[in-house]
Amino acid sequence: MKITWLGQAGFLLENENHTILIDPYLSDEVAKINPLNWRRVPVDESFFEVKPDVIMLTHSHLDHLDTSTLSHYINRDSEITVLAPYDTWKEVRKLGGAKNNYVMLNRGSAWSFGDITVYAVKAEHSDLTAVGFVIDDSKKTYYFTGDTLYNYDVIEEVNSLFCEGVDVVFLPINGVGNNMNAEDATDFAYDVGAKKAVPVHFGLFDTLSPEAFEFENRIIPEIYKEIVID
């Protein structure tokens, strides 16, 4: 699986059969609400040419559910499967398109396509319907936590699904907006049995350094670059 970080908690996943977007934020819409959260990295408009067949949205906050970004992909002619929990599902459906399949994927639900299965798991966040997604492509398990605090129920739920741990976890370290800070994220990565861990949710709205994330097998990503996972 080729994985490219789009900034914040946005990702582009590609294999030979599927192109998947997770929480893409390719605008400066948040700055209109909070001027302090302006983009430090310009939008790379080449990503608007991506043709996803699946879009996954973890929750309804603007830097995860950005309709100005999503309108580049979702329209009346697109044929996309959109996976989202309840509050987000309600909003994203307003983009329309009778050919799109809007799937309400709440915590405890799963959705399969081809050789990929997506599991929606609990996230402890201020959007009470927020989820994280674990993607199993039959080769590796990739856990995208979305926005969440360190939470025992979240950890227990993931461990019950993947008793041997996950191969890679992608998790926030910014410590604001009901997200884990770097120290809690380090503990979280160990507690879900991650073999590798990728800190995100830094560097777009702030100058936060990921060096405080002290997980032994960490991979520090760069925005718009492929995350190489051995």
C-alpha atoms as a PDB file:
ATOM      1  CA  MET A   1       0.000   0.000   0.000  1.00  0.00           C
ATOM      2  CA  LYS A   2       1.400   3.393  -0.977  1.00  0.00           C
ATOM      3  CA  ILE A   3       0.479   6.016   1.621  1.00  0.00           C
ATOM      4  CA  THR A   4       0.955   9.764   1.132  1.00  0.00           C
ATOM      5  CA  TRP A   5       0.415  12.275   3.930  1.00  0.00           C
ATOM      6  CA  LEU A   6      -1.710  15.260   2.889  1.00  0.00           C
ATOM      7  CA  GLY A   7      -1.242  17.187   6.141  1.00  0.00           C
ATOM      8  CA  GLN A   8      -3.320  17.240   9.351  1.00  0.00           C
ATOM      9  CA  ALA A   9      -4.909  13.769   9.381  1.00  0.00           C
ATOM     10  CA  GLY A  10      -5.343  13.536   5.613  1.00  0.00           C
ATOM     11  CA  PHE A  11      -4.004  10.598   3.603  1.00  0.00           C
ATOM     12  CA  LEU A  12      -3.982   9.189   0.104  1.00  0.00           C
ATOM     13  CA  LEU A  13      -3.790   5.383  -0.053  1.00  0.00           C
ATOM     14  CA  GLU A  14      -3.140   3.564  -3.310  1.00  0.00           C
ATOM     15  CA  ASN A  15      -2.731  -0.038  -4.338  1.00  0.00           C
ATOM     16  CA  GLU A  16      -3.227  -1.856  -7.616  1.00  0.00           C
ATOM     17  CA  ASN A  17      -7.005  -1.945  -7.162  1.00  0.00           C
ATOM     18  CA  HIS A  18      -8.071   1.038  -5.073  1.00  0.00           C
ATOM     19  CA  THR A  19      -7.475   4.740  -4.477  1.00  0.00           C
ATOM     20  CA  ILE A  20      -8.597   5.875  -1.033  1.00  0.00           C
ATOM     21  CA  LEU A  21      -8.732   9.320   0.551  1.00  0.00           C
ATOM     22  CA  ILE A  22      -8.949   9.746   4.316  1.00  0.00           C
ATOM     23  CA  ASP A  23      -9.931  13.126   5.829  1.00  0.00           C
ATOM     24  CA  PRO A  24      -8.486  15.263   2.999  1.00  0.00           C
ATOM     25  CA  TYR A  25      -8.010  18.927   3.928  1.00  0.00           C
ATOM     26  CA  LEU A  26      -6.721  20.818   0.891  1.00  0.00           C
ATOM     27  CA  SER A  27      -7.998  24.328   1.515  1.00  0.00           C
ATOM     28  CA  ASP A  28      -7.601  27.160   4.011  1.00  0.00           C
ATOM     29  CA  GLU A  29     -11.198  27.089   5.226  1.00  0.00           C
ATOM     30  CA  VAL A  30     -10.332  26.724   8.915  1.00  0.00           C
ATOM     31  CA  ALA A  31      -8.551  30.099   8.881  1.00  0.00           C
ATOM     32  CA  LYS A  32     -11.861  31.769   8.046  1.00  0.00           C
ATOM     33  CA  ILE A  33     -13.149  30.599  11.441  1.00  0.00           C
ATOM     34  CA  ASN A  34      -9.898  30.808  13.398  1.00  0.00           C
ATOM     35  CA  PRO A  35      -7.259  33.033  11.749  1.00  0.00           C
ATOM     36  CA  LEU A  36      -4.566  31.480  13.952  1.00  0.00           C
ATOM     37  CA  ASN A  37      -5.059  28.193  12.096  1.00  0.00           C
ATOM     38  CA  TRP A  38      -3.855  29.350   8.698  1.00  0.00           C
ATOM     39  CA  ARG A  39      -2.017  26.933   6.432  1.00  0.00           C
ATOM     40  CA  ARG A  40       1.751  26.938   6.841  1.00  0.00           C
ATOM     41  CA  VAL A  41       2.044  24.691   3.769  1.00  0.00           C
ATOM     42  CA  PRO A  42       0.337  25.762   0.511  1.00  0.00           C
ATOM     43  CA  VAL A  43      -2.254  23.512  -1.100  1.00  0.00           C
ATOM     44  CA  ASP A  44      -0.791  21.183  -3.718  1.00  0.00           C
ATOM     45  CA  GLU A  45      -3.549  21.326  -6.312  1.00  0.00           C
ATOM     46  CA  SER A  46      -2.193  18.310  -8.177  1.00  0.00           C
ATOM     47  CA  PHE A  47      -4.035  16.173  -5.624  1.00  0.00           C
ATOM     48  CA  PHE A  48      -7.333  17.481  -7.011  1.00  0.00           C
ATOM     49  CA  GLU A  49      -6.649  15.280 -10.041  1.00  0.00           C
ATOM     50  CA  VAL A  50      -6.810  12.126  -7.914  1.00  0.00           C
ATOM     51  CA  LYS A  51      -9.747   9.855  -8.753  1.00  0.00           C
ATOM     52  CA  PRO A  52     -10.672   8.055  -5.520  1.00  0.00           C
ATOM     53  CA  ASP A  53     -13.091   5.165  -5.455  1.00  0.00           C
ATOM     54  CA  VAL A  54     -13.376   5.331  -1.650  1.00  0.00           C
ATOM     55  CA  ILE A  55     -13.371   8.334   0.701  1.00  0.00           C
ATOM     56  CA  MET A  56     -13.239   7.784   4.463  1.00  0.00           C
ATOM     57  CA  LEU A  57     -14.112  10.547   6.938  1.00  0.00           C
ATOM     58  CA  THR A  58     -13.526  10.132  10.668  1.00  0.00           C
ATOM     59  CA  HIS A  59     -15.617  13.013  12.024  1.00  0.00           C
ATOM     60  CA  SER A  60     -17.365  16.281  11.276  1.00  0.00           C
ATOM     61  CA  HIS A  61     -14.764  18.943  12.148  1.00  0.00           C
ATOM     62  CA  LEU A  62     -13.766  21.186   9.276  1.00  0.00           C
ATOM     63  CA  ASP A  63     -10.163  20.029   8.930  1.00  0.00           C
ATOM     64  CA  HIS A  64     -11.499  16.473   8.447  1.00  0.00           C
ATOM     65  CA  LEU A  65     -14.834  17.110   6.736  1.00  0.00           C
ATOM     66  CA  ASP A  66     -13.948  19.924   4.340  1.00  0.00           C
ATOM     67  CA  THR A  67     -16.638  20.217   1.684  1.00  0.00           C
ATOM     68  CA  SER A  68     -14.552  22.678  -0.354  1.00  0.00           C
ATOM     69  CA  THR A  69     -11.969  19.898  -0.728  1.00  0.00           C
ATOM     70  CA  LEU A  70     -14.482  17.100  -1.135  1.00  0.00           C
ATOM     71  CA  SER A  71     -16.318  18.932  -3.917  1.00  0.00           C
ATOM     72  CA  HIS A  72     -13.301  18.267  -6.144  1.00  0.00           C
ATOM     73  CA  TYR A  73     -14.046  14.550  -5.867  1.00  0.00           C
ATOM     74  CA  ILE A  74     -17.743  14.173  -5.049  1.00  0.00           C
ATOM     75  CA  ASN A  75     -20.270  15.432  -7.564  1.00  0.00           C
ATOM     76  CA  ARG A  76     -23.342  14.311  -9.487  1.00  0.00           C
ATOM     77  CA  ASP A  77     -21.247  12.210 -11.879  1.00  0.00           C
ATOM     78  CA  SER A  78     -18.863  10.564  -9.414  1.00  0.00           C
ATOM     79  CA  GLU A  79     -19.251   6.951  -8.305  1.00  0.00           C
ATOM     80  CA  ILE A  80     -17.556   6.920  -4.918  1.00  0.00           C
ATOM     81  CA  THR A  81     -18.111   4.926  -1.767  1.00  0.00           C
ATOM     82  CA  VAL A  82     -18.052   7.313   1.200  1.00  0.00           C
ATOM     83  CA  LEU A  83     -17.576   5.811   4.665  1.00  0.00           C
ATOM     84  CA  ALA A  84     -18.423   8.081   7.589  1.00  0.00           C
ATOM     85  CA  PRO A  85     -19.972   8.002  11.089  1.00  0.00           C
ATOM     86  CA  TYR A  86     -23.428   9.437  11.699  1.00  0.00           C
ATOM     87  CA  ASP A  87     -22.852  13.199  12.121  1.00  0.00           C
ATOM     88  CA  THR A  88     -20.368  13.270   9.263  1.00  0.00           C
ATOM     89  CA  TRP A  89     -22.534  11.027   7.073  1.00  0.00           C
ATOM     90  CA  LYS A  90     -25.442  13.477   7.448  1.00  0.00           C
ATOM     91  CA  GLU A  91     -23.301  16.388   6.253  1.00  0.00           C
ATOM     92  CA  VAL A  92     -21.358  14.760   3.428  1.00  0.00           C
ATOM     93  CA  ARG A  93     -24.542  13.442   1.805  1.00  0.00           C
ATOM     94  CA  LYS A  94     -25.491  17.061   1.090  1.00  0.00           C
ATOM     95  CA  LEU A  95     -22.848  17.051  -1.653  1.00  0.00           C
ATOM     96  CA  GLY A  96     -25.265  14.844  -3.564  1.00  0.00           C
ATOM     97  CA  GLY A  97     -24.656  12.517  -6.455  1.00  0.00           C
ATOM     98  CA  ALA A  98     -27.075   9.657  -6.970  1.00  0.00           C
ATOM     99  CA  LYS A  99     -24.264   7.338  -8.079  1.00  0.00           C
ATOM    100  CA  ASN A 100     -22.313   7.756  -4.835  1.00  0.00           C
ATOM    101  CA  ASN A 101     -22.767   5.221  -2.057  1.00  0.00           C
ATOM    102  CA  TYR A 102     -22.871   6.975   1.317  1.00  0.00           C
ATOM    103  CA  VAL A 103     -22.265   4.348   3.997  1.00  0.00           C
ATOM    104  CA  MET A 104     -22.910   5.252   7.642  1.00  0.00           C
ATOM    105  CA  LEU A 105     -20.010   3.419   9.278  1.00  0.00           C
ATOM    106  CA  ASN A 106     -20.389   3.880  13.005  1.00  0.00           C
ATOM    107  CA  ARG A 107     -18.239   2.373  15.739  1.00  0.00           C
ATOM    108  CA  GLY A 108     -18.455  -1.424  15.686  1.00  0.00           C
ATOM    109  CA  SER A 109     -19.242  -1.649  11.966  1.00  0.00           C
ATOM    110  CA  ALA A 110     -17.094  -2.940   9.108  1.00  0.00           C
ATOM    111  CA  TRP A 111     -17.104  -2.537   5.334  1.00  0.00           C
ATOM    112  CA  SER A 112     -15.288  -4.711   2.811  1.00  0.00           C
ATOM    113  CA  PHE A 113     -14.306  -4.064  -0.791  1.00  0.00           C
ATOM    114  CA  GLY A 114     -12.021  -6.339  -2.751  1.00  0.00           C
ATOM    115  CA  ASP A 115      -9.268  -7.582  -0.461  1.00  0.00           C
ATOM    116  CA  ILE A 116      -9.701  -4.665   1.963  1.00  0.00           C
ATOM    117  CA  THR A 117     -11.785  -4.545   5.121  1.00  0.00           C
ATOM    118  CA  VAL A 118     -12.334  -1.330   7.071  1.00  0.00           C
ATOM    119  CA  TYR A 119     -13.224  -1.480  10.768  1.00  0.00           C
ATOM    120  CA  ALA A 120     -14.696   1.579  12.500  1.00  0.00           C
ATOM    121  CA  VAL A 121     -13.512   1.863  16.099  1.00  0.00           C
ATOM    122  CA  LYS A 122     -14.161   4.278  18.925  1.00  0.00           C
ATOM    123  CA  ALA A 123     -12.481   7.697  19.056  1.00  0.00           C
ATOM    124  CA  GLU A 124     -12.672   9.850  22.184  1.00  0.00           C
ATOM    125  CA  HIS A 125     -13.275  13.311  20.778  1.00  0.00           C
ATOM    126  CA  SER A 126     -15.582  16.324  21.022  1.00  0.00           C
ATOM    127  CA  ASP A 127     -17.563  15.014  18.053  1.00  0.00           C
ATOM    128  CA  LEU A 128     -19.273  12.230  19.962  1.00  0.00           C
ATOM    129  CA  THR A 129     -19.828  10.134  16.828  1.00  0.00           C
ATOM    130  CA  ALA A 130     -16.161  10.317  15.766  1.00  0.00           C
ATOM    131  CA  VAL A 131     -14.410   7.082  14.841  1.00  0.00           C
ATOM    132  CA  GLY A 132     -11.018   5.783  13.898  1.00  0.00           C
ATOM    133  CA  PHE A 133     -10.516   3.387  11.003  1.00  0.00           C
ATOM    134  CA  VAL A 134      -8.444   0.227  10.893  1.00  0.00           C
ATOM    135  CA  ILE A 135      -7.731  -0.896   7.336  1.00  0.00           C
ATOM    136  CA  ASP A 136      -6.786  -4.527   6.782  1.00  0.00           C
ATOM    137  CA  ASP A 137      -5.524  -5.167   3.250  1.00  0.00           C
ATOM    138  CA  SER A 138      -4.677  -8.822   4.029  1.00  0.00           C
ATOM    139  CA  LYS A 139      -0.989  -7.866   4.191  1.00  0.00           C
ATOM    140  CA  LYS A 140      -0.875  -5.235   6.925  1.00  0.00           C
ATOM    141  CA  THR A 141      -3.210  -3.475   9.337  1.00  0.00           C
ATOM    142  CA  TYR A 142      -3.200   0.331   9.226  1.00  0.00           C
ATOM    143  CA  TYR A 143      -4.881   2.158  12.112  1.00  0.00           C
ATOM    144  CA  PHE A 144      -5.895   5.760  11.438  1.00  0.00           C
ATOM    145  CA  THR A 145      -7.087   7.025  14.809  1.00  0.00           C
ATOM    146  CA  GLY A 146      -8.584  10.272  13.547  1.00  0.00           C
ATOM    147  CA  ASP A 147      -8.805  12.826  16.362  1.00  0.00           C
ATOM    148  CA  THR A 148      -8.800  11.219  19.780  1.00  0.00           C
ATOM    149  CA  LEU A 149      -7.571  11.431  23.329  1.00  0.00           C
ATOM    150  CA  TYR A 150      -5.744   8.594  25.066  1.00  0.00           C
ATOM    151  CA  ASN A 151      -8.644   6.468  26.230  1.00  0.00           C
ATOM    152  CA  TYR A 152      -8.804   3.012  27.820  1.00  0.00           C
ATOM    153  CA  ASP A 153     -11.972   2.038  25.958  1.00  0.00           C
ATOM    154  CA  VAL A 154     -10.410   2.922  22.608  1.00  0.00           C
ATOM    155  CA  ILE A 155      -7.325   0.834  23.384  1.00  0.00           C
ATOM    156  CA  GLU A 156      -9.391  -2.107  24.631  1.00  0.00           C
ATOM    157  CA  GLU A 157     -11.571  -2.059  21.535  1.00  0.00           C
ATOM    158  CA  VAL A 158      -8.613  -2.071  19.132  1.00  0.00           C
ATOM    159  CA  ASN A 159      -6.841  -4.784  21.125  1.00  0.00           C
ATOM    160  CA  SER A 160      -9.955  -6.953  21.089  1.00  0.00           C
ATOM    161  CA  LEU A 161     -10.039  -6.798  17.289  1.00  0.00           C
ATOM    162  CA  PHE A 162      -6.294  -7.159  16.751  1.00  0.00           C
ATOM    163  CA  CYS A 163      -4.925  -9.136  19.676  1.00  0.00           C
ATOM    164  CA  GLU A 164      -1.433  -9.229  18.160  1.00  0.00           C
ATOM    165  CA  GLY A 165      -1.378  -5.465  17.664  1.00  0.00           C
ATOM    166  CA  VAL A 166      -1.585  -3.344  14.528  1.00  0.00           C
ATOM    167  CA  ASP A 167       1.198  -3.011  12.004  1.00  0.00           C
ATOM    168  CA  VAL A 168       1.064   0.790  11.770  1.00  0.00           C
ATOM    169  CA  VAL A 169      -0.800   3.482  13.710  1.00  0.00           C
ATOM    170  CA  PHE A 170      -1.256   7.060  12.475  1.00  0.00           C
ATOM    171  CA  LEU A 171      -2.128   9.313  15.415  1.00  0.00           C
ATOM    172  CA  PRO A 172      -2.326  12.972  16.479  1.00  0.00           C
ATOM    173  CA  ILE A 173       0.314  14.572  18.697  1.00  0.00           C
ATOM    174  CA  ASN A 174      -0.768  18.232  18.778  1.00  0.00           C
ATOM    175  CA  GLY A 175      -2.393  18.083  22.222  1.00  0.00           C
ATOM    176  CA  VAL A 176      -5.155  20.615  21.564  1.00  0.00           C
ATOM    177  CA  GLY A 177      -8.753  20.344  20.400  1.00  0.00           C
ATOM    178  CA  ASN A 178      -9.265  17.121  22.371  1.00  0.00           C
ATOM    179  CA  ASN A 179      -6.320  15.343  20.799  1.00  0.00           C
ATOM    180  CA  MET A 180      -3.466  13.415  22.371  1.00  0.00           C
ATOM    181  CA  ASN A 181      -0.228  15.235  23.024  1.00  0.00           C
ATOM    182  CA  ALA A 182       3.066  13.625  22.026  1.00  0.00           C
ATOM    183  CA  GLU A 183       3.605  11.930  25.387  1.00  0.00           C
ATOM    184  CA  ASP A 184       0.150  10.365  25.504  1.00  0.00           C
ATOM    185  CA  ALA A 185       0.407   9.400  21.840  1.00  0.00           C
ATOM    186  CA  THR A 186       3.657   7.561  22.588  1.00  0.00           C
ATOM    187  CA  ASP A 187       1.938   5.528  25.299  1.00  0.00           C
ATOM    188  CA  PHE A 188      -1.060   4.937  23.043  1.00  0.00           C
ATOM    189  CA  ALA A 189       1.108   3.535  20.233  1.00  0.00           C
ATOM    190  CA  TYR A 190       2.711   1.056  22.618  1.00  0.00           C
ATOM    191  CA  ASP A 191      -0.639   0.126  24.178  1.00  0.00           C
ATOM    192  CA  VAL A 192      -2.241  -0.815  20.837  1.00  0.00           C
ATOM    193  CA  GLY A 193       0.770  -2.986  20.044  1.00  0.00           C
ATOM    194  CA  ALA A 194       1.851  -0.949  17.030  1.00  0.00           C
ATOM    195  CA  LYS A 195       4.914  -2.196  15.192  1.00  0.00           C
ATOM    196  CA  LYS A 196       5.385   1.235  13.588  1.00  0.00           C
ATOM    197  CA  ALA A 197       3.845   4.611  14.450  1.00  0.00           C
ATOM    198  CA  VAL A 198       3.398   7.780  12.395  1.00  0.00           C
ATOM    199  CA  PRO A 199       2.683  11.045  14.231  1.00  0.00           C
ATOM    200  CA  VAL A 200       0.380  13.478  12.406  1.00  0.00           C
ATOM    201  CA  HIS A 201      -1.732  16.571  13.087  1.00  0.00           C
ATOM    202  CA  PHE A 202       1.300  18.825  13.304  1.00  0.00           C
ATOM    203  CA  GLY A 203       3.073  21.245  10.997  1.00  0.00           C
ATOM    204  CA  LEU A 204       0.094  22.592   9.073  1.00  0.00           C
ATOM    205  CA  PHE A 205      -1.496  24.937  11.622  1.00  0.00           C
ATOM    206  CA  ASP A 206       1.554  25.184  13.896  1.00  0.00           C
ATOM    207  CA  THR A 207       5.330  24.837  14.175  1.00  0.00           C
ATOM    208  CA  LEU A 208       5.120  21.855  16.506  1.00  0.00           C
ATOM    209  CA  SER A 209       8.088  19.463  16.312  1.00  0.00           C
ATOM    210  CA  PRO A 210       7.366  15.715  16.220  1.00  0.00           C
ATOM    211  CA  GLU A 211      10.553  14.993  18.152  1.00  0.00           C
ATOM    212  CA  ALA A 212       8.592  14.785  21.425  1.00  0.00           C
ATOM    213  CA  PHE A 213       6.900  11.670  20.046  1.00  0.00           C
ATOM    214  CA  GLU A 214       9.353   9.129  21.425  1.00  0.00           C
ATOM    215  CA  PHE A 215       7.972   5.845  20.108  1.00  0.00           C
ATOM    216  CA  GLU A 216      10.925   3.635  19.262  1.00  0.00           C
ATOM    217  CA  ASN A 217       9.792   2.615  15.769  1.00  0.00           C
ATOM    218  CA  ARG A 218       8.392   5.961  14.711  1.00  0.00           C
ATOM    219  CA  ILE A 219       8.273   7.240  11.145  1.00  0.00           C
ATOM    220  CA  ILE A 220       8.248  11.039  10.882  1.00  0.00           C
ATOM    221  CA  PRO A 221       6.213  11.975   7.797  1.00  0.00           C
ATOM    222  CA  GLU A 222       6.565  14.921   5.430  1.00  0.00           C
ATOM    223  CA  ILE A 223       3.528  16.617   3.926  1.00  0.00           C
ATOM    224  CA  TYR A 224       2.840  15.498   0.338  1.00  0.00           C
ATOM    225  CA  LYS A 225       5.501  12.780   0.583  1.00  0.00           C
ATOM    226  CA  GLU A 226       5.037   9.015   0.581  1.00  0.00           C
ATOM    227  CA  ILE A 227       5.348   7.418   4.007  1.00  0.00           C
ATOM    228  CA  VAL A 228       7.726   4.509   3.488  1.00  0.00           C
ATOM    229  CA  ILE A 229       6.772   1.579   5.706  1.00  0.00           C
ATOM    230  CA  ASP A 230       9.093  -1.409   5.451  1.00  0.00           C
END
